[in-house]
Protein backbone atom coordinates (compact mmCIF):
# COMPACT_ATOMS: atom_id res chain seq x y z
CA MET A 1 111.14 110.65 151.82
CA LEU A 2 108.79 111.98 149.64
CA GLN A 3 108.04 114.74 152.44
CA LEU A 4 111.55 115.93 152.99
CA ILE A 5 111.45 115.79 149.07
CA ALA A 6 107.91 118.15 149.21
CA ILE A 7 109.49 119.75 151.34
CA PHE A 8 112.16 121.09 149.23
CA TYR A 9 110.94 121.96 146.10
CA LYS A 10 107.90 124.05 148.33
CA ILE A 11 110.95 126.01 150.03
CA GLU A 12 112.30 126.20 146.42
CA TYR A 13 109.69 127.42 145.21
CA VAL A 14 108.51 130.76 147.24
CA HIS A 15 112.91 131.20 146.72
CA MET A 16 112.11 131.66 143.24
CA VAL A 17 109.14 133.83 143.33
CA TRP A 18 110.78 135.78 146.41
CA ARG A 19 114.19 136.18 143.32
CA TRP A 20 110.72 137.35 141.08
CA ILE A 21 109.56 139.87 143.36
CA ARG A 22 113.28 141.20 143.81
CA TYR A 23 113.68 141.54 139.83
CA GLU A 24 114.18 144.29 137.98
CA PRO A 25 114.69 144.47 133.66
CA VAL A 26 118.14 147.25 133.02
CA GLN A 27 116.77 150.52 131.92
CA ALA A 28 117.18 151.48 128.69
CA PRO A 29 119.80 154.01 127.31
CA SER A 30 117.89 157.23 125.80
CA LYS A 31 120.16 158.17 123.27
CA ASP A 32 120.48 156.63 120.04
CA ASP A 33 123.80 157.74 119.54
CA LYS A 34 124.27 154.65 122.30
CA LEU A 35 122.79 151.78 120.72
CA PRO A 36 124.92 149.46 119.06
CA PHE A 37 124.21 147.98 115.15
CA ILE A 38 122.03 144.38 115.40
CA SER A 39 121.30 142.05 113.29
CA ILE A 40 117.70 139.84 113.37
CA VAL A 41 117.11 136.94 111.99
CA ILE A 42 113.42 134.92 111.01
CA PRO A 43 113.77 131.79 109.99
CA VAL A 44 110.34 131.08 108.23
CA PHE A 45 108.59 127.87 106.94
CA ASN A 46 105.26 127.90 105.71
CA GLU A 47 104.41 130.97 107.83
CA SER A 48 102.48 132.34 104.75
CA GLU A 49 100.84 136.32 105.27
CA PHE A 50 101.31 136.38 108.85
CA VAL A 51 105.66 136.73 108.63
CA LYS A 52 104.82 140.25 107.14
CA ASN A 53 103.61 141.34 110.88
CA SER A 54 107.03 139.65 112.26
CA ILE A 55 109.05 141.96 109.71
CA LYS A 56 106.23 144.80 110.50
CA SER A 57 107.27 144.59 114.39
CA ILE A 58 110.66 145.26 113.41
CA GLU A 59 109.50 148.58 110.86
CA LEU A 60 107.22 150.12 113.85
CA SER A 61 109.84 149.31 117.00
CA ASP A 62 111.60 152.38 118.45
CA TYR A 63 115.35 151.58 117.65
CA PRO A 64 117.45 153.05 115.10
CA LYS A 65 116.49 151.75 111.88
CA GLU A 66 120.33 153.35 110.41
CA ARG A 67 121.63 150.30 113.37
CA ILE A 68 119.06 147.62 112.06
CA GLU A 69 120.42 144.52 109.71
CA LEU A 70 116.81 142.12 109.34
CA ILE A 71 117.94 138.74 107.42
CA VAL A 72 115.25 137.02 106.63
CA ILE A 73 115.31 132.85 105.74
CA ASP A 74 112.96 131.08 104.13
CA ASP A 75 113.37 127.30 104.73
CA GLY A 76 112.20 125.85 101.75
CA SER A 77 108.39 127.07 102.43
CA THR A 78 106.00 125.50 100.37
CA ASP A 79 103.01 127.22 100.53
CA ASP A 80 103.07 131.18 99.78
CA THR A 81 105.52 132.71 102.23
CA TRP A 82 108.54 133.60 99.75
CA GLU A 83 105.78 136.11 97.72
CA HIS A 84 104.52 137.59 101.20
CA VAL A 85 108.60 138.09 102.74
CA ASN A 86 109.19 140.10 99.11
CA LYS A 87 105.87 142.70 100.00
CA ALA A 88 107.00 142.92 102.81
CA ALA A 89 110.98 143.27 101.71
CA GLY A 90 109.64 146.91 100.03
CA SER A 91 108.49 149.12 102.90
CA VAL A 92 111.56 147.71 105.05
CA SER A 93 113.86 148.92 102.61
CA THR A 94 112.81 152.46 102.28
CA CYS A 95 112.76 152.80 105.75
CA GLY A 96 116.32 152.62 106.79
CA ILE A 97 116.99 149.29 107.57
CA THR A 98 119.55 147.28 105.60
CA LEU A 99 117.25 143.84 104.19
CA ARG A 100 118.87 140.66 103.94
CA LEU A 101 116.48 137.56 102.06
CA LEU A 102 118.00 134.43 101.74
CA GLN A 103 116.00 131.11 100.70
CA HIS A 104 116.40 127.40 101.55
CA ALA A 105 115.27 125.57 98.14
CA ALA A 106 114.23 122.91 100.48
CA ASN A 107 113.69 122.64 104.25
CA MET A 108 116.65 121.66 105.93
CA GLY A 109 115.26 121.98 109.47
CA LYS A 110 114.63 125.56 111.71
CA ARG A 111 118.42 124.27 113.36
CA LYS A 112 119.78 124.81 109.71
CA ALA A 113 117.95 128.45 108.92
CA ILE A 114 119.35 129.95 112.58
CA GLN A 115 122.90 128.52 111.40
CA SER A 116 122.21 130.10 107.82
CA GLY A 117 120.87 133.70 109.93
CA PHE A 118 123.24 134.09 112.13
CA ALA A 119 126.49 132.95 110.06
CA ALA A 120 124.82 135.83 107.23
CA ALA A 121 124.81 138.67 110.36
CA LEU A 122 127.67 141.07 110.67
CA GLY A 123 126.32 142.46 113.96
CA SER A 124 128.19 142.89 116.97
CA ILE A 125 124.31 141.59 118.83
CA ILE A 126 122.56 139.31 117.17
CA ILE A 127 118.88 138.85 117.54
CA SER A 128 116.83 135.45 116.81
CA LEU A 129 112.74 136.44 116.49
CA ASP A 130 110.53 133.80 115.52
CA SER A 131 107.87 134.67 112.92
CA ASP A 132 104.97 133.83 114.07
CA SER A 133 106.40 136.65 116.81
CA VAL A 134 106.27 140.44 116.74
CA VAL A 135 107.96 142.39 119.00
CA GLU A 136 106.60 145.77 121.00
CA LYS A 137 107.87 149.06 120.08
CA GLY A 138 110.87 149.28 122.92
CA ALA A 139 111.43 146.01 123.04
CA LEU A 140 114.39 145.99 120.61
CA ARG A 141 115.82 148.77 123.27
CA ASN A 142 115.69 146.71 126.39
CA ILE A 143 117.19 143.33 125.70
CA VAL A 144 119.87 144.84 124.46
CA SER A 145 120.44 146.58 127.17
CA PRO A 146 122.33 144.58 129.34
CA LEU A 147 124.55 142.87 126.74
CA MET A 148 125.42 147.10 126.72
CA LYS A 149 125.16 147.33 130.47
CA ASP A 150 127.74 143.89 131.45
CA PRO A 151 130.09 142.82 129.14
CA SER A 152 130.46 139.39 131.72
CA ILE A 153 126.72 138.57 129.82
CA GLY A 154 126.48 136.87 126.43
CA ALA A 155 122.55 136.42 125.94
CA VAL A 156 119.45 137.46 126.55
CA ALA A 157 116.22 135.81 126.93
CA GLY A 158 112.83 138.49 126.26
CA HIS A 159 109.97 138.24 128.03
CA LEU A 160 107.07 135.90 126.09
CA ALA A 161 103.54 136.59 125.85
CA VAL A 162 100.20 135.27 123.97
CA LEU A 163 99.61 136.92 120.67
CA ASN A 164 95.97 135.37 120.25
CA VAL A 165 93.47 135.82 123.43
CA SER A 166 91.40 137.25 120.96
CA SER A 167 88.69 140.15 123.82
CA SER A 168 86.16 139.79 121.76
CA SER A 169 85.70 135.85 122.75
CA ILE A 170 86.72 135.55 126.29
CA PHE A 171 84.74 132.50 127.38
CA SER A 172 85.42 130.44 123.64
CA PHE A 173 88.25 127.51 123.95
CA LYS A 174 89.92 128.86 121.14
CA SER A 175 90.42 132.10 123.05
CA LEU A 176 90.52 129.90 126.93
CA LEU A 177 93.79 127.67 125.41
CA PRO A 178 96.09 131.15 124.90
CA ARG A 179 94.99 132.29 127.49
CA LEU A 180 95.67 129.40 130.26
CA LEU A 181 99.10 128.77 127.85
CA ASP A 182 99.83 132.64 128.85
CA ILE A 183 99.87 131.76 132.35
CA VAL A 184 102.14 128.30 132.03
CA PHE A 185 103.96 131.26 129.49
CA ASP A 186 105.10 133.48 132.69
CA HIS A 187 104.83 130.01 135.19
CA ILE A 188 107.19 128.15 133.64
CA GLY A 189 109.10 130.45 131.55
CA ASN A 190 108.96 134.10 133.02
CA LEU A 191 108.61 133.31 136.37
CA PRO A 192 112.33 131.17 136.91
CA ARG A 193 114.34 133.44 134.14
CA SER A 194 113.53 136.04 136.66
CA ALA A 195 114.56 134.20 139.50
CA LEU A 196 117.75 132.91 137.35
CA SER A 197 118.24 136.23 136.18
CA ALA A 198 120.61 137.51 138.98
CA GLU A 199 123.30 134.31 139.25
CA GLY A 200 123.17 135.13 135.33
CA PHE A 201 122.08 131.69 134.73
CA VAL A 202 118.73 131.52 132.60
CA THR A 203 119.33 128.25 130.83
CA ILE A 204 116.82 128.43 127.92
CA LEU A 205 117.00 131.04 125.39
CA PRO A 206 114.05 131.27 123.61
CA GLY A 207 114.43 131.32 119.99
CA ALA A 208 110.68 133.70 120.00
CA PHE A 209 112.59 136.62 120.95
CA SER A 210 116.11 136.20 122.44
CA ALA A 211 119.25 138.51 121.97
CA PHE A 212 122.81 137.18 121.64
CA ARG A 213 126.37 138.90 121.98
CA ALA A 214 128.25 138.27 118.62
CA ASP A 215 131.41 136.89 120.42
CA ALA A 216 129.29 134.35 122.12
CA VAL A 217 127.29 132.65 120.06
CA GLN A 218 129.22 132.37 116.35
CA PRO A 219 131.74 129.91 117.93
CA HIS A 220 128.59 127.60 118.77
CA VAL A 221 126.36 128.44 115.20
CA ASP A 222 127.81 125.75 112.82
CA ARG A 223 127.86 122.77 116.17
CA LEU A 224 123.63 123.65 115.41
CA CYS A 225 123.97 121.19 112.50
CA THR A 226 125.86 118.40 113.62
CA SER A 227 124.84 117.63 117.43
CA THR A 228 123.07 114.25 117.80
CA PHE A 229 122.00 112.28 120.22
CA LEU A 230 122.18 108.17 119.84
CA GLY A 231 123.26 108.54 115.96
CA SER A 232 120.84 110.60 115.37
CA PRO A 233 120.89 114.52 114.26
CA LEU A 234 118.36 116.57 116.98
CA LYS A 235 116.56 118.89 115.34
CA HIS A 236 114.94 120.51 117.92
CA GLY A 237 115.80 122.30 121.34
CA GLU A 238 118.42 124.94 120.08
CA ASP A 239 117.32 128.07 122.65
CA MET A 240 118.58 125.44 125.31
CA GLU A 241 121.77 123.72 123.21
CA LEU A 242 122.84 127.15 122.65
CA ALA A 243 122.27 129.08 126.32
CA TYR A 244 124.03 125.49 127.66
CA ARG A 245 126.99 126.13 125.62
CA ILE A 246 127.32 130.19 125.66
CA LEU A 247 127.31 129.24 129.80
CA CYS A 248 129.86 126.91 129.45
CA ASP A 249 132.09 129.15 127.61
CA GLY A 250 131.62 131.67 130.90
CA TRP A 251 129.22 133.40 129.44
CA ARG A 252 126.47 135.25 131.75
CA THR A 253 122.40 134.53 130.48
CA VAL A 254 120.30 136.60 131.38
CA TYR A 255 117.13 137.75 131.73
CA GLN A 256 115.20 141.06 130.60
CA SER A 257 110.59 140.96 131.27
CA ASN A 258 110.59 144.63 129.66
CA ALA A 259 111.49 143.09 126.30
CA VAL A 260 108.29 141.81 125.06
CA VAL A 261 107.27 140.13 122.48
CA HIS A 262 103.55 138.40 121.41
CA THR A 263 104.37 135.01 119.88
CA MET A 264 100.96 133.14 118.54
CA ALA A 265 100.01 129.81 121.06
CA PRO A 266 97.92 126.64 119.83
CA GLU A 267 94.07 127.29 119.72
CA THR A 268 93.66 123.49 119.93
CA LEU A 269 94.61 120.50 122.70
CA GLU A 270 96.39 118.66 119.57
CA LYS A 271 98.48 121.44 118.75
CA ALA A 272 99.31 121.66 122.73
CA MET A 273 99.85 118.27 123.71
CA LEU A 274 102.41 118.39 120.73
CA MET A 275 104.19 121.47 121.73
CA PHE A 276 104.35 120.47 125.40
CA SER A 277 105.29 116.62 124.21
CA ARG A 278 108.31 118.38 121.84
CA TRP A 279 109.28 121.03 124.88
CA GLU A 280 109.28 117.81 127.41
CA ARG A 281 111.29 115.14 124.69
CA THR A 282 114.38 118.17 124.12
CA ASN A 283 114.48 117.69 127.88
CA TYR A 284 114.81 114.77 128.27
CA THR A 285 117.39 114.58 125.54
CA PHE A 286 119.82 117.32 127.58
CA LEU A 287 119.04 115.24 130.06
CA CYS A 288 120.61 112.02 129.21
CA MET A 289 123.60 114.24 127.16
CA GLY A 290 124.61 115.43 130.25
CA TYR A 291 123.43 119.05 130.46
CA PRO A 292 122.37 119.50 133.68
CA ALA A 293 125.99 119.21 135.04
CA LEU A 294 126.24 122.24 135.01
CA THR A 295 123.53 123.47 136.42
CA VAL A 296 124.31 120.76 139.15
CA GLN A 297 127.78 122.87 139.55
CA LYS A 298 126.37 126.20 139.99
CA THR A 299 124.25 125.45 142.40
CA LEU A 300 126.82 123.87 144.55
CA LYS A 301 128.63 127.08 144.08
CA LEU A 302 126.10 129.31 145.27
CA TRP A 303 125.78 126.42 148.65
CA LEU A 304 129.12 127.33 149.19
CA ALA A 305 128.90 131.14 148.08
CA MET A 306 126.29 131.43 151.33
CA ARG A 307 127.95 129.37 153.29
CA PRO A 308 129.92 131.23 155.88
CA THR A 309 133.66 131.68 155.33
CA ARG A 310 135.87 129.09 158.07
CA VAL A 311 137.97 130.07 159.72
CA GLN A 312 141.73 128.13 160.04
CA SER A 313 142.23 127.29 163.51
CA SER A 314 145.62 126.84 165.28
CA GLU A 315 146.86 126.70 168.49
CA PHE A 316 150.15 127.91 166.77
CA VAL A 317 148.83 130.90 164.79
CA ASP A 318 148.09 134.80 166.43
CA LYS A 319 144.61 134.91 166.45
CA GLU A 320 144.88 138.48 165.28
CA LYS A 321 146.84 137.74 162.41
CA GLN A 322 143.73 134.79 161.17
CA GLU A 323 142.53 134.96 158.26
CA ASP A 324 138.85 133.60 156.37
CA GLU A 325 139.26 131.41 154.15
CA PRO A 326 136.82 132.08 151.39
CA LEU A 327 134.49 129.02 149.96
CA ILE A 328 133.06 131.16 147.44
CA ALA A 329 134.04 129.20 144.17
CA LYS A 330 135.38 131.61 140.88
CA ASP A 331 132.84 133.94 139.15
CA LEU A 332 132.39 133.83 135.75
CA GLY A 333 133.38 136.13 133.59
CA VAL A 334 133.95 137.17 129.83
CA PRO A 335 136.29 134.07 127.96
CA GLY A 336 139.40 135.91 127.69
């Protein structure tokens, strides 16, 4: 039995790699007047000076500045984060970007910060960006492209790469761990997402960089602050929860490999273990909550779709008039 399971996983992995090889990102429009007005939400907590890098990357992007609303939420930072946010605000406001700064009186958690930012957003597309991440110049233009091309897509996951990889200290342990994590991010994140993208079934929309159609995500934003497990409020896993809720509404979710964000990775084993333990805890939590049931349903639909159609057989029916009975399950469509 274990051998059969092992064979199944090997076949599945080969199939995933094959889908990754065939994957191609959606190309961004060249004309600026085709691009929509977007809201970028950056939740911040005790990020200190680094938050200026995230804000600066938006300023340096090639997206039309008059079509950007930047919302920064300081979730009750106890260091000098708010001071650095206000310093960065000066140059941003002069380049044409609409800037909105929000501040929580006390730390209320990332879910509440996301809720505050998304609720205030005015754009037809809302983009989440972590405060320890910077986007490449064309990332904003690229991440909105699938949403512009296909009205059935509700959200897009960006491509994660590690920022703190120093070429000058390639053999140091401080640089080695981020380099290894960069490989891990590709193996367990970017590669599976590219394979699932063709089916419109990306199940994790990383908070580091993802884009949401406002109509698809807004109905679920307030629930981020009320979701519980065994009577306790959920503190993490908002990236997975939003993905599943959007999928349950019938929207498609995809991955865009040319929408690249560089994010800070742990530089110590202790921090790396905390990150992985948080991920595993989130996976088990949503497993117990029944979220993977949607994955099983989707898998069955795909399996049925790949089977040959069944021909109605009856000796009383003229063979020339027989019609195939399709076994393909109904495609996901846009909610009405």
